[in-house]
Amino acid sequence: MDLTGQTFNFWKVLKPTDNKKYYYDCECLKCHRIYSVYQNTLKNGNGKMCRACAGKIQSKRQQRVHEELIGKSFSRLTVTGWTTDNKNRTVYTCTCSCGNQTTVGYTDLVTGHKTSCGCFKAEKSRESIYQTYEPLQKEKEKAYIEGSFVHALNAKTPKSNKTGVKGVSKTKEGKYRAYINLARKQYHLGMFDTLDEAKKAREAGEEKYYRPILEEYKRK
């Protein structure tokens, strides 16, 4: 079937293309240039005009979209203009409510994927840290009594302790020395011949020095 003389959208069919089956020489009624167009493209309407004219229309349509967005606000961002990035993609220049300038892609902007220059995420991060560590700080302050941390009073016997009893060490002479640490000070509790005696002295020291602090912590 010969399509010569027919018009399809902005294509006017002039004649079949020489030595090219199923193609027709067509005039683009937008720019009046002649192109060879595949017959199915004419029939199904996929190509309504030449690519150059279609590109100009698309560019004008995008221009209107860009202009309509200027002055609009998306969360903390207000669109002030548009430009292209290093990959030749259109991005919008925006002013954040904090005063910073940033660029955002169309999809990220209108879908709310990006809501600020980054300050919103930073604020949420600070809030999260504060919510996490504020209770710990309060507990730390609560546990700090008379220059000592309550939790340190109940610490396990360090592995470096060779006697196996916290606050008891063995001297070179074979004696057992009992001591207790409190508020960055060390109190000597005595020298003893046996480990059991030193252990009892240490327990008595804990009763004297630690118990009042632990009771105060429980009261708080």
N, C-alpha and C. Protein backbone atom coordinates (compact mmCIF):
# COMPACT_ATOMS: atom_id res chain seq x y z
N MET A 1 0.84 -1.20 0.00
CA MET A 1 0.00 0.00 0.00
C MET A 1 0.88 1.25 0.00
N ASP A 2 0.63 2.13 -0.96
CA ASP A 2 1.42 3.34 -1.11
C ASP A 2 0.84 4.45 -0.22
N LEU A 3 1.72 5.08 0.61
CA LEU A 3 1.28 6.11 1.54
C LEU A 3 1.49 7.52 1.00
N THR A 4 1.98 7.60 -0.22
CA THR A 4 2.28 8.90 -0.81
C THR A 4 1.07 9.84 -0.76
N GLY A 5 1.32 11.08 -0.34
CA GLY A 5 0.27 12.10 -0.28
C GLY A 5 -0.46 12.15 1.05
N GLN A 6 -0.30 11.13 1.88
CA GLN A 6 -1.00 11.11 3.16
C GLN A 6 -0.22 11.92 4.22
N THR A 7 -0.94 12.31 5.25
CA THR A 7 -0.33 13.05 6.36
C THR A 7 -0.54 12.28 7.66
N PHE A 8 0.53 12.10 8.39
CA PHE A 8 0.49 11.40 9.67
C PHE A 8 1.08 12.35 10.74
N ASN A 9 0.20 12.85 11.59
CA ASN A 9 0.62 13.84 12.59
C ASN A 9 1.29 15.02 11.88
N PHE A 10 2.61 15.22 12.07
CA PHE A 10 3.30 16.33 11.42
C PHE A 10 4.17 15.85 10.26
N TRP A 11 3.89 14.64 9.78
CA TRP A 11 4.61 14.11 8.62
C TRP A 11 3.72 14.16 7.38
N LYS A 12 4.26 14.74 6.30
CA LYS A 12 3.58 14.70 5.00
C LYS A 12 4.40 13.80 4.08
N VAL A 13 3.78 12.70 3.68
CA VAL A 13 4.49 11.70 2.87
C VAL A 13 4.62 12.21 1.44
N LEU A 14 5.85 12.26 0.93
CA LEU A 14 6.12 12.77 -0.42
C LEU A 14 6.22 11.64 -1.43
N LYS A 15 7.04 10.62 -1.08
CA LYS A 15 7.22 9.51 -2.02
C LYS A 15 8.00 8.40 -1.32
N PRO A 16 7.98 7.18 -1.91
CA PRO A 16 8.80 6.10 -1.32
C PRO A 16 10.28 6.45 -1.45
N THR A 17 11.05 6.09 -0.43
CA THR A 17 12.49 6.35 -0.45
C THR A 17 13.17 5.42 -1.45
N ASP A 18 14.05 5.96 -2.28
CA ASP A 18 14.74 5.17 -3.28
C ASP A 18 15.61 4.11 -2.62
N ASN A 19 15.52 2.87 -3.15
CA ASN A 19 16.38 1.75 -2.72
C ASN A 19 16.29 1.48 -1.21
N LYS A 20 15.16 1.77 -0.63
CA LYS A 20 14.98 1.54 0.81
C LYS A 20 13.53 1.10 1.05
N LYS A 21 13.36 -0.20 1.13
CA LYS A 21 12.03 -0.78 1.22
C LYS A 21 11.35 -0.37 2.52
N TYR A 22 10.06 -0.07 2.44
CA TYR A 22 9.20 0.30 3.57
C TYR A 22 9.52 1.67 4.15
N TYR A 23 10.32 2.45 3.47
CA TYR A 23 10.62 3.82 3.95
C TYR A 23 10.07 4.83 2.95
N TYR A 24 9.70 6.02 3.49
CA TYR A 24 9.14 7.09 2.66
C TYR A 24 9.86 8.40 2.97
N ASP A 25 10.07 9.17 1.89
CA ASP A 25 10.57 10.52 2.09
C ASP A 25 9.40 11.38 2.58
N CYS A 26 9.62 12.01 3.75
CA CYS A 26 8.53 12.77 4.36
C CYS A 26 9.01 14.17 4.74
N GLU A 27 8.08 15.12 4.65
CA GLU A 27 8.38 16.49 5.07
C GLU A 27 7.85 16.69 6.50
N CYS A 28 8.75 17.15 7.38
CA CYS A 28 8.31 17.50 8.73
C CYS A 28 7.61 18.85 8.62
N LEU A 29 6.33 18.91 8.95
CA LEU A 29 5.56 20.13 8.79
C LEU A 29 5.91 21.18 9.84
N LYS A 30 6.77 20.82 10.79
CA LYS A 30 7.23 21.78 11.79
C LYS A 30 8.40 22.61 11.25
N CYS A 31 9.38 21.92 10.65
CA CYS A 31 10.59 22.61 10.18
C CYS A 31 10.76 22.54 8.67
N HIS A 32 9.87 21.73 8.00
CA HIS A 32 9.87 21.59 6.53
C HIS A 32 11.13 20.92 5.99
N ARG A 33 11.82 20.18 6.83
CA ARG A 33 12.96 19.40 6.35
C ARG A 33 12.47 18.03 5.91
N ILE A 34 13.27 17.39 5.03
CA ILE A 34 12.89 16.10 4.47
C ILE A 34 13.67 14.99 5.18
N TYR A 35 12.92 13.93 5.58
CA TYR A 35 13.54 12.79 6.25
C TYR A 35 12.98 11.50 5.66
N SER A 36 13.77 10.45 5.78
CA SER A 36 13.30 9.13 5.38
C SER A 36 12.73 8.46 6.63
N VAL A 37 11.44 8.07 6.56
CA VAL A 37 10.74 7.57 7.75
C VAL A 37 10.18 6.18 7.46
N TYR A 38 10.34 5.29 8.44
CA TYR A 38 9.83 3.92 8.32
C TYR A 38 8.30 3.96 8.34
N GLN A 39 7.67 3.16 7.49
CA GLN A 39 6.21 3.23 7.32
C GLN A 39 5.45 2.92 8.61
N ASN A 40 5.97 1.95 9.43
CA ASN A 40 5.27 1.63 10.69
C ASN A 40 5.33 2.78 11.68
N THR A 41 6.42 3.57 11.62
CA THR A 41 6.53 4.74 12.48
C THR A 41 5.44 5.75 12.13
N LEU A 42 5.13 5.86 10.85
CA LEU A 42 4.07 6.76 10.42
C LEU A 42 2.70 6.26 10.87
N LYS A 43 2.49 4.95 10.73
CA LYS A 43 1.17 4.38 11.02
C LYS A 43 0.86 4.35 12.52
N ASN A 44 1.86 3.94 13.32
CA ASN A 44 1.55 3.80 14.76
C ASN A 44 1.70 5.10 15.54
N GLY A 45 2.23 6.14 14.90
CA GLY A 45 2.31 7.44 15.55
C GLY A 45 3.39 7.57 16.59
N ASN A 46 4.35 6.64 16.60
CA ASN A 46 5.43 6.73 17.60
C ASN A 46 6.33 7.94 17.36
N GLY A 47 6.51 8.29 16.11
CA GLY A 47 7.30 9.47 15.78
C GLY A 47 6.42 10.49 15.09
N LYS A 48 5.91 11.46 15.81
CA LYS A 48 4.94 12.40 15.26
C LYS A 48 5.59 13.50 14.43
N MET A 49 6.90 13.69 14.61
CA MET A 49 7.64 14.73 13.88
C MET A 49 9.11 14.35 13.92
N CYS A 50 9.95 15.18 13.32
CA CYS A 50 11.38 14.86 13.34
C CYS A 50 11.94 15.02 14.75
N ARG A 51 13.07 14.39 15.00
CA ARG A 51 13.66 14.40 16.35
C ARG A 51 14.06 15.80 16.79
N ALA A 52 14.51 16.61 15.84
CA ALA A 52 14.94 17.96 16.20
C ALA A 52 13.76 18.78 16.72
N CYS A 53 12.63 18.70 16.04
CA CYS A 53 11.44 19.44 16.49
C CYS A 53 10.88 18.87 17.78
N ALA A 54 10.89 17.53 17.88
CA ALA A 54 10.42 16.90 19.11
C ALA A 54 11.29 17.31 20.30
N GLY A 55 12.60 17.42 20.06
CA GLY A 55 13.52 17.84 21.12
C GLY A 55 13.26 19.26 21.57
N LYS A 56 12.93 20.14 20.59
CA LYS A 56 12.64 21.53 20.94
C LYS A 56 11.36 21.63 21.78
N ILE A 57 10.36 20.86 21.42
CA ILE A 57 9.11 20.87 22.19
C ILE A 57 9.34 20.34 23.60
N GLN A 58 10.11 19.25 23.68
CA GLN A 58 10.42 18.69 25.00
C GLN A 58 11.20 19.69 25.84
N SER A 59 12.13 20.41 25.20
CA SER A 59 12.92 21.40 25.91
C SER A 59 12.04 22.52 26.44
N LYS A 60 11.08 22.98 25.62
CA LYS A 60 10.16 24.04 26.06
C LYS A 60 9.28 23.55 27.20
N ARG A 61 8.86 22.28 27.11
CA ARG A 61 8.03 21.71 28.18
C ARG A 61 8.81 21.66 29.49
N GLN A 62 10.07 21.24 29.41
CA GLN A 62 10.91 21.19 30.59
C GLN A 62 11.17 22.59 31.14
N GLN A 63 11.32 23.55 30.24
CA GLN A 63 11.55 24.94 30.64
C GLN A 63 10.38 25.43 31.48
N ARG A 64 9.17 25.08 31.07
CA ARG A 64 7.98 25.50 31.83
C ARG A 64 7.96 24.84 33.21
N VAL A 65 8.35 23.57 33.25
CA VAL A 65 8.40 22.86 34.54
C VAL A 65 9.40 23.53 35.46
N HIS A 66 10.57 23.86 34.92
CA HIS A 66 11.61 24.53 35.71
C HIS A 66 11.09 25.86 36.26
N GLU A 67 10.47 26.63 35.39
CA GLU A 67 10.00 27.95 35.80
C GLU A 67 8.90 27.86 36.85
N GLU A 68 8.05 26.85 36.72
CA GLU A 68 6.96 26.68 37.69
C GLU A 68 7.47 26.31 39.08
N LEU A 69 8.65 25.67 39.13
CA LEU A 69 9.19 25.25 40.42
C LEU A 69 9.91 26.38 41.17
N ILE A 70 10.36 27.39 40.43
CA ILE A 70 11.10 28.47 41.08
C ILE A 70 10.21 29.17 42.11
N GLY A 71 10.74 29.32 43.31
CA GLY A 71 10.00 29.97 44.39
C GLY A 71 9.22 29.01 45.25
N LYS A 72 9.03 27.78 44.78
CA LYS A 72 8.29 26.79 45.57
C LYS A 72 9.19 26.18 46.63
N SER A 73 8.57 25.81 47.75
CA SER A 73 9.31 25.21 48.86
C SER A 73 8.96 23.74 49.01
N PHE A 74 9.96 22.95 49.27
CA PHE A 74 9.81 21.52 49.52
C PHE A 74 10.50 21.24 50.84
N SER A 75 9.71 21.10 51.90
CA SER A 75 10.24 20.95 53.25
C SER A 75 11.13 22.15 53.58
N ARG A 76 12.42 21.96 53.79
CA ARG A 76 13.31 23.06 54.14
C ARG A 76 13.96 23.74 52.93
N LEU A 77 13.66 23.23 51.73
CA LEU A 77 14.32 23.73 50.52
C LEU A 77 13.40 24.62 49.70
N THR A 78 13.93 25.74 49.26
CA THR A 78 13.21 26.65 48.36
C THR A 78 13.99 26.74 47.05
N VAL A 79 13.30 26.46 45.94
CA VAL A 79 13.95 26.43 44.62
C VAL A 79 14.24 27.85 44.16
N THR A 80 15.48 28.11 43.76
CA THR A 80 15.88 29.43 43.27
C THR A 80 16.27 29.43 41.80
N GLY A 81 16.49 28.25 41.22
CA GLY A 81 16.89 28.18 39.81
C GLY A 81 17.24 26.76 39.44
N TRP A 82 17.86 26.58 38.30
CA TRP A 82 18.30 25.25 37.88
C TRP A 82 19.59 25.34 37.10
N THR A 83 20.28 24.21 37.02
CA THR A 83 21.55 24.14 36.30
C THR A 83 21.77 22.69 35.89
N THR A 84 22.93 22.36 35.39
CA THR A 84 23.26 20.98 35.04
C THR A 84 24.47 20.54 35.85
N ASP A 85 24.50 19.25 36.22
CA ASP A 85 25.63 18.73 36.97
C ASP A 85 26.71 18.23 36.02
N ASN A 86 27.73 17.56 36.58
CA ASN A 86 28.86 17.11 35.75
C ASN A 86 28.49 15.98 34.80
N LYS A 87 27.28 15.42 34.95
CA LYS A 87 26.80 14.39 34.04
C LYS A 87 25.73 14.95 33.09
N ASN A 88 25.66 16.28 33.03
CA ASN A 88 24.73 17.00 32.15
C ASN A 88 23.27 16.72 32.50
N ARG A 89 23.01 16.42 33.76
CA ARG A 89 21.64 16.22 34.23
C ARG A 89 21.13 17.51 34.87
N THR A 90 19.85 17.79 34.68
CA THR A 90 19.28 19.00 35.27
C THR A 90 19.11 18.83 36.77
N VAL A 91 19.61 19.79 37.52
CA VAL A 91 19.43 19.81 38.98
C VAL A 91 18.96 21.20 39.37
N TYR A 92 18.26 21.26 40.50
CA TYR A 92 17.70 22.53 40.95
C TYR A 92 18.56 23.12 42.06
N THR A 93 18.83 24.41 41.93
CA THR A 93 19.55 25.11 42.99
C THR A 93 18.53 25.54 44.03
N CYS A 94 18.83 25.26 45.28
CA CYS A 94 17.89 25.53 46.36
C CYS A 94 18.58 26.22 47.53
N THR A 95 17.80 27.02 48.24
CA THR A 95 18.26 27.63 49.48
C THR A 95 17.58 26.89 50.62
N CYS A 96 18.40 26.39 51.55
CA CYS A 96 17.87 25.68 52.71
C CYS A 96 17.45 26.70 53.76
N SER A 97 16.52 26.33 54.63
CA SER A 97 16.04 27.24 55.68
C SER A 97 17.14 27.63 56.64
N CYS A 98 18.23 26.84 56.66
CA CYS A 98 19.37 27.19 57.53
C CYS A 98 20.29 28.21 56.86
N GLY A 99 20.03 28.51 55.57
CA GLY A 99 20.83 29.50 54.86
C GLY A 99 21.81 28.91 53.87
N ASN A 100 22.06 27.62 53.93
CA ASN A 100 23.00 26.99 53.01
C ASN A 100 22.40 26.80 51.63
N GLN A 101 23.27 26.74 50.61
CA GLN A 101 22.85 26.49 49.24
C GLN A 101 23.16 25.04 48.88
N THR A 102 22.28 24.44 48.07
CA THR A 102 22.51 23.06 47.65
C THR A 102 21.83 22.83 46.32
N THR A 103 22.15 21.72 45.65
CA THR A 103 21.50 21.33 44.40
C THR A 103 20.82 19.98 44.60
N VAL A 104 19.64 19.84 44.00
CA VAL A 104 18.84 18.63 44.19
C VAL A 104 18.23 18.21 42.85
N GLY A 105 18.22 16.91 42.59
CA GLY A 105 17.57 16.38 41.40
C GLY A 105 16.06 16.48 41.52
N TYR A 106 15.36 16.48 40.38
CA TYR A 106 13.90 16.66 40.37
C TYR A 106 13.20 15.60 41.21
N THR A 107 13.54 14.34 41.01
CA THR A 107 12.85 13.26 41.73
C THR A 107 13.07 13.36 43.23
N ASP A 108 14.31 13.59 43.64
CA ASP A 108 14.60 13.72 45.07
C ASP A 108 13.85 14.90 45.68
N LEU A 109 13.66 15.94 44.87
CA LEU A 109 13.00 17.15 45.37
C LEU A 109 11.50 16.93 45.56
N VAL A 110 10.81 16.47 44.51
CA VAL A 110 9.35 16.39 44.56
C VAL A 110 8.84 15.20 45.36
N THR A 111 9.68 14.16 45.53
CA THR A 111 9.25 13.00 46.33
C THR A 111 9.59 13.16 47.80
N GLY A 112 10.36 14.21 48.13
CA GLY A 112 10.73 14.42 49.53
C GLY A 112 11.87 13.56 49.98
N HIS A 113 12.56 12.92 49.01
CA HIS A 113 13.70 12.08 49.39
C HIS A 113 14.82 12.93 50.01
N LYS A 114 14.94 14.17 49.51
CA LYS A 114 15.90 15.10 50.10
C LYS A 114 15.11 16.31 50.59
N THR A 115 15.21 16.61 51.87
CA THR A 115 14.39 17.66 52.46
C THR A 115 15.19 18.86 52.94
N SER A 116 16.52 18.76 52.89
CA SER A 116 17.35 19.87 53.37
C SER A 116 18.73 19.75 52.75
N CYS A 117 19.61 20.68 53.12
CA CYS A 117 20.99 20.63 52.63
C CYS A 117 21.79 19.53 53.32
N GLY A 118 21.19 18.91 54.31
CA GLY A 118 21.86 17.91 55.14
C GLY A 118 21.74 18.25 56.60
N CYS A 119 21.25 19.48 56.89
CA CYS A 119 21.15 19.91 58.29
C CYS A 119 20.09 19.13 59.05
N PHE A 120 19.01 18.72 58.36
CA PHE A 120 17.94 17.98 59.04
C PHE A 120 18.46 16.62 59.53
N LYS A 121 19.21 15.95 58.67
CA LYS A 121 19.78 14.65 59.05
C LYS A 121 20.76 14.81 60.21
N ALA A 122 21.55 15.89 60.16
CA ALA A 122 22.52 16.16 61.23
C ALA A 122 21.80 16.42 62.55
N GLU A 123 20.69 17.17 62.48
CA GLU A 123 19.92 17.45 63.70
C GLU A 123 19.34 16.17 64.29
N LYS A 124 18.78 15.33 63.42
CA LYS A 124 18.21 14.07 63.89
C LYS A 124 19.28 13.18 64.50
N SER A 125 20.48 13.22 63.91
CA SER A 125 21.59 12.43 64.44
C SER A 125 21.97 12.92 65.83
N ARG A 126 22.03 14.26 65.99
CA ARG A 126 22.36 14.81 67.30
C ARG A 126 21.29 14.47 68.33
N GLU A 127 20.02 14.53 67.91
CA GLU A 127 18.92 14.20 68.81
C GLU A 127 19.01 12.74 69.25
N SER A 128 19.34 11.87 68.28
CA SER A 128 19.45 10.45 68.59
C SER A 128 20.58 10.19 69.59
N ILE A 129 21.71 10.87 69.36
CA ILE A 129 22.85 10.72 70.28
C ILE A 129 22.48 11.22 71.66
N TYR A 130 21.79 12.38 71.70
CA TYR A 130 21.40 12.97 72.98
C TYR A 130 20.45 12.04 73.73
N GLN A 131 19.46 11.49 72.99
CA GLN A 131 18.49 10.60 73.62
C GLN A 131 19.16 9.32 74.12
N THR A 132 20.22 8.92 73.41
CA THR A 132 20.92 7.68 73.81
C THR A 132 21.81 7.90 75.02
N TYR A 133 22.54 9.02 75.01
CA TYR A 133 23.56 9.23 76.03
C TYR A 133 23.11 10.06 77.23
N GLU A 134 21.99 10.79 77.09
CA GLU A 134 21.53 11.59 78.22
C GLU A 134 21.21 10.71 79.44
N PRO A 135 20.45 9.60 79.25
CA PRO A 135 20.20 8.72 80.41
C PRO A 135 21.48 8.16 81.01
N LEU A 136 22.46 7.86 80.12
CA LEU A 136 23.72 7.32 80.62
C LEU A 136 24.48 8.37 81.42
N GLN A 137 24.42 9.63 80.96
CA GLN A 137 25.09 10.71 81.67
C GLN A 137 24.44 10.94 83.02
N LYS A 138 23.10 10.89 83.05
CA LYS A 138 22.40 11.08 84.32
C LYS A 138 22.73 9.95 85.29
N GLU A 139 22.81 8.73 84.75
CA GLU A 139 23.16 7.59 85.60
C GLU A 139 24.59 7.73 86.11
N LYS A 140 25.47 8.25 85.23
CA LYS A 140 26.85 8.45 85.64
C LYS A 140 26.95 9.47 86.77
N GLU A 141 26.19 10.57 86.64
CA GLU A 141 26.19 11.60 87.68
C GLU A 141 25.61 11.05 88.98
N LYS A 142 24.59 10.23 88.82
CA LYS A 142 23.95 9.64 89.99
C LYS A 142 24.90 8.69 90.72
N ALA A 143 25.72 7.99 89.94
CA ALA A 143 26.62 6.99 90.52
C ALA A 143 27.92 7.57 91.03
N TYR A 144 28.14 8.87 90.83
CA TYR A 144 29.38 9.51 91.29
C TYR A 144 29.13 10.11 92.67
N ILE A 145 29.63 9.45 93.70
CA ILE A 145 29.36 9.86 95.08
C ILE A 145 30.68 9.98 95.84
N GLU A 146 30.87 11.11 96.45
CA GLU A 146 32.06 11.38 97.27
C GLU A 146 33.35 11.08 96.51
N GLY A 147 33.37 11.44 95.22
CA GLY A 147 34.58 11.28 94.43
C GLY A 147 34.81 9.89 93.88
N SER A 148 33.85 9.00 94.02
CA SER A 148 34.01 7.63 93.53
C SER A 148 32.79 7.20 92.73
N PHE A 149 33.04 6.34 91.72
CA PHE A 149 31.94 5.75 90.97
C PHE A 149 31.51 4.47 91.67
N VAL A 150 30.21 4.39 91.93
CA VAL A 150 29.67 3.23 92.65
C VAL A 150 30.00 1.94 91.92
N HIS A 151 29.91 1.97 90.60
CA HIS A 151 30.13 0.74 89.82
C HIS A 151 31.57 0.24 89.99
N ALA A 152 32.49 1.14 90.20
CA ALA A 152 33.88 0.74 90.38
C ALA A 152 34.08 0.01 91.71
N LEU A 153 33.24 0.32 92.69
CA LEU A 153 33.37 -0.34 94.00
C LEU A 153 33.05 -1.82 93.90
N ASN A 154 32.18 -2.16 92.95
CA ASN A 154 31.78 -3.57 92.79
C ASN A 154 32.53 -4.27 91.66
N ALA A 155 33.62 -3.66 91.21
CA ALA A 155 34.38 -4.25 90.11
C ALA A 155 34.96 -5.60 90.51
N LYS A 156 35.13 -6.46 89.50
CA LYS A 156 35.68 -7.78 89.75
C LYS A 156 37.17 -7.70 90.06
N THR A 157 37.67 -8.76 90.67
CA THR A 157 39.10 -8.84 90.97
C THR A 157 39.88 -8.86 89.66
N PRO A 158 40.84 -7.95 89.48
CA PRO A 158 41.61 -7.92 88.23
C PRO A 158 42.43 -9.19 88.04
N LYS A 159 42.64 -9.56 86.79
CA LYS A 159 43.40 -10.78 86.49
C LYS A 159 44.85 -10.68 86.96
N SER A 160 45.35 -9.47 87.08
CA SER A 160 46.74 -9.29 87.51
C SER A 160 46.93 -9.57 89.00
N ASN A 161 45.82 -9.68 89.73
CA ASN A 161 45.91 -9.95 91.18
C ASN A 161 46.25 -11.44 91.39
N LYS A 162 47.40 -11.72 91.97
CA LYS A 162 47.87 -13.10 92.12
C LYS A 162 47.31 -13.82 93.34
N THR A 163 46.69 -13.07 94.26
CA THR A 163 46.15 -13.72 95.47
C THR A 163 44.72 -14.21 95.24
N GLY A 164 44.04 -13.66 94.22
CA GLY A 164 42.66 -14.03 93.96
C GLY A 164 41.66 -13.28 94.82
N VAL A 165 42.15 -12.37 95.66
CA VAL A 165 41.28 -11.59 96.53
C VAL A 165 41.49 -10.12 96.21
N LYS A 166 40.43 -9.42 95.87
CA LYS A 166 40.54 -8.00 95.55
C LYS A 166 40.99 -7.21 96.76
N GLY A 167 41.99 -6.35 96.54
CA GLY A 167 42.49 -5.52 97.64
C GLY A 167 43.49 -6.22 98.54
N VAL A 168 44.02 -7.36 98.08
CA VAL A 168 45.03 -8.08 98.87
C VAL A 168 46.19 -8.45 97.95
N SER A 169 47.39 -8.10 98.34
CA SER A 169 48.58 -8.43 97.57
C SER A 169 49.59 -9.15 98.48
N LYS A 170 50.50 -9.86 97.87
CA LYS A 170 51.51 -10.61 98.64
C LYS A 170 52.86 -9.94 98.46
N THR A 171 53.53 -9.69 99.56
CA THR A 171 54.83 -9.02 99.53
C THR A 171 55.94 -10.02 99.27
N LYS A 172 57.14 -9.50 99.01
CA LYS A 172 58.30 -10.37 98.77
C LYS A 172 58.65 -11.18 100.01
N GLU A 173 58.28 -10.65 101.17
CA GLU A 173 58.58 -11.35 102.43
C GLU A 173 57.55 -12.43 102.73
N GLY A 174 56.53 -12.59 101.91
CA GLY A 174 55.53 -13.64 102.13
C GLY A 174 54.33 -13.16 102.93
N LYS A 175 54.29 -11.89 103.28
CA LYS A 175 53.16 -11.35 104.02
C LYS A 175 52.04 -10.97 103.04
N TYR A 176 50.85 -10.81 103.61
CA TYR A 176 49.70 -10.40 102.82
C TYR A 176 49.28 -9.00 103.25
N ARG A 177 49.26 -8.12 102.28
CA ARG A 177 48.90 -6.73 102.56
C ARG A 177 47.47 -6.46 102.09
N ALA A 178 46.64 -5.92 102.98
CA ALA A 178 45.26 -5.57 102.65
C ALA A 178 45.17 -4.05 102.48
N TYR A 179 44.42 -3.65 101.46
CA TYR A 179 44.27 -2.22 101.20
C TYR A 179 42.92 -1.99 100.51
N ILE A 180 42.54 -0.73 100.41
CA ILE A 180 41.29 -0.40 99.74
C ILE A 180 41.46 0.95 99.05
N ASN A 181 40.94 1.08 97.82
CA ASN A 181 41.03 2.32 97.04
C ASN A 181 39.68 3.05 97.10
N LEU A 182 39.76 4.35 97.31
CA LEU A 182 38.55 5.15 97.37
C LEU A 182 38.88 6.60 97.01
N ALA A 183 38.14 7.14 96.03
CA ALA A 183 38.30 8.54 95.62
C ALA A 183 39.76 8.86 95.30
N ARG A 184 40.39 7.96 94.51
CA ARG A 184 41.77 8.14 94.06
C ARG A 184 42.79 8.10 95.20
N LYS A 185 42.39 7.52 96.28
CA LYS A 185 43.31 7.35 97.41
C LYS A 185 43.33 5.88 97.79
N GLN A 186 44.47 5.45 98.35
CA GLN A 186 44.59 4.07 98.80
C GLN A 186 44.80 4.05 100.32
N TYR A 187 43.96 3.24 100.99
CA TYR A 187 44.02 3.14 102.44
C TYR A 187 44.62 1.79 102.82
N HIS A 188 45.67 1.85 103.64
CA HIS A 188 46.35 0.63 104.11
C HIS A 188 45.54 0.02 105.24
N LEU A 189 45.23 -1.28 105.12
CA LEU A 189 44.39 -1.96 106.11
C LEU A 189 45.19 -2.92 107.00
N GLY A 190 46.46 -3.10 106.71
CA GLY A 190 47.29 -3.94 107.57
C GLY A 190 48.06 -5.01 106.83
N MET A 191 49.06 -5.58 107.53
CA MET A 191 49.88 -6.68 107.02
C MET A 191 49.51 -7.93 107.80
N PHE A 192 49.39 -9.08 107.11
CA PHE A 192 48.92 -10.30 107.78
C PHE A 192 49.74 -11.50 107.31
N ASP A 193 49.75 -12.52 108.20
CA ASP A 193 50.52 -13.72 107.90
C ASP A 193 49.79 -14.64 106.93
N THR A 194 48.46 -14.60 106.99
CA THR A 194 47.68 -15.51 106.13
C THR A 194 46.76 -14.72 105.20
N LEU A 195 46.41 -15.37 104.11
CA LEU A 195 45.50 -14.76 103.13
C LEU A 195 44.12 -14.58 103.74
N ASP A 196 43.70 -15.53 104.57
CA ASP A 196 42.37 -15.44 105.17
C ASP A 196 42.24 -14.20 106.06
N GLU A 197 43.31 -13.92 106.82
CA GLU A 197 43.29 -12.75 107.70
C GLU A 197 43.22 -11.45 106.87
N ALA A 198 44.00 -11.42 105.79
CA ALA A 198 43.99 -10.24 104.92
C ALA A 198 42.63 -10.07 104.25
N LYS A 199 42.01 -11.19 103.88
CA LYS A 199 40.70 -11.14 103.24
C LYS A 199 39.65 -10.56 104.19
N LYS A 200 39.72 -10.98 105.46
CA LYS A 200 38.76 -10.46 106.44
C LYS A 200 38.98 -8.97 106.68
N ALA A 201 40.23 -8.55 106.68
CA ALA A 201 40.54 -7.13 106.85
C ALA A 201 39.99 -6.33 105.67
N ARG A 202 40.12 -6.89 104.49
CA ARG A 202 39.60 -6.22 103.29
C ARG A 202 38.08 -6.11 103.38
N GLU A 203 37.40 -7.16 103.80
CA GLU A 203 35.95 -7.15 103.92
C GLU A 203 35.49 -6.12 104.95
N ALA A 204 36.27 -6.01 106.04
CA ALA A 204 35.96 -5.00 107.05
C ALA A 204 36.15 -3.59 106.50
N GLY A 205 37.16 -3.43 105.64
CA GLY A 205 37.40 -2.14 105.01
C GLY A 205 36.26 -1.76 104.06
N GLU A 206 35.75 -2.73 103.34
CA GLU A 206 34.63 -2.48 102.44
C GLU A 206 33.39 -2.06 103.22
N GLU A 207 33.21 -2.70 104.36
CA GLU A 207 32.07 -2.36 105.22
C GLU A 207 32.19 -0.91 105.72
N LYS A 208 33.40 -0.53 106.04
CA LYS A 208 33.64 0.81 106.59
C LYS A 208 33.60 1.90 105.51
N TYR A 209 34.25 1.66 104.38
CA TYR A 209 34.40 2.71 103.38
C TYR A 209 33.35 2.65 102.25
N TYR A 210 32.99 1.44 101.85
CA TYR A 210 32.11 1.30 100.69
C TYR A 210 30.63 1.34 101.04
N ARG A 211 30.27 0.70 102.16
CA ARG A 211 28.85 0.57 102.46
C ARG A 211 28.12 1.91 102.52
N PRO A 212 28.64 2.96 103.18
CA PRO A 212 27.92 4.24 103.21
C PRO A 212 27.65 4.80 101.81
N ILE A 213 28.61 4.61 100.89
CA ILE A 213 28.44 5.11 99.53
C ILE A 213 27.38 4.29 98.78
N LEU A 214 27.42 2.97 98.94
CA LEU A 214 26.44 2.12 98.29
C LEU A 214 25.04 2.38 98.81
N GLU A 215 24.92 2.64 100.10
CA GLU A 215 23.61 2.96 100.68
C GLU A 215 23.08 4.29 100.13
N GLU A 216 23.99 5.25 99.96
CA GLU A 216 23.59 6.55 99.39
C GLU A 216 23.12 6.36 97.95
N TYR A 217 23.78 5.50 97.20
CA TYR A 217 23.41 5.24 95.81
C TYR A 217 22.02 4.61 95.75
N LYS A 218 21.76 3.65 96.64
CA LYS A 218 20.45 3.00 96.69
C LYS A 218 19.35 4.02 97.04
N ARG A 219 19.70 4.94 97.94
CA ARG A 219 18.73 5.95 98.34
C ARG A 219 18.35 6.86 97.16
N LYS A 220 19.34 7.18 96.32
CA LYS A 220 19.08 8.00 95.15
C LYS A 220 18.19 7.30 94.14
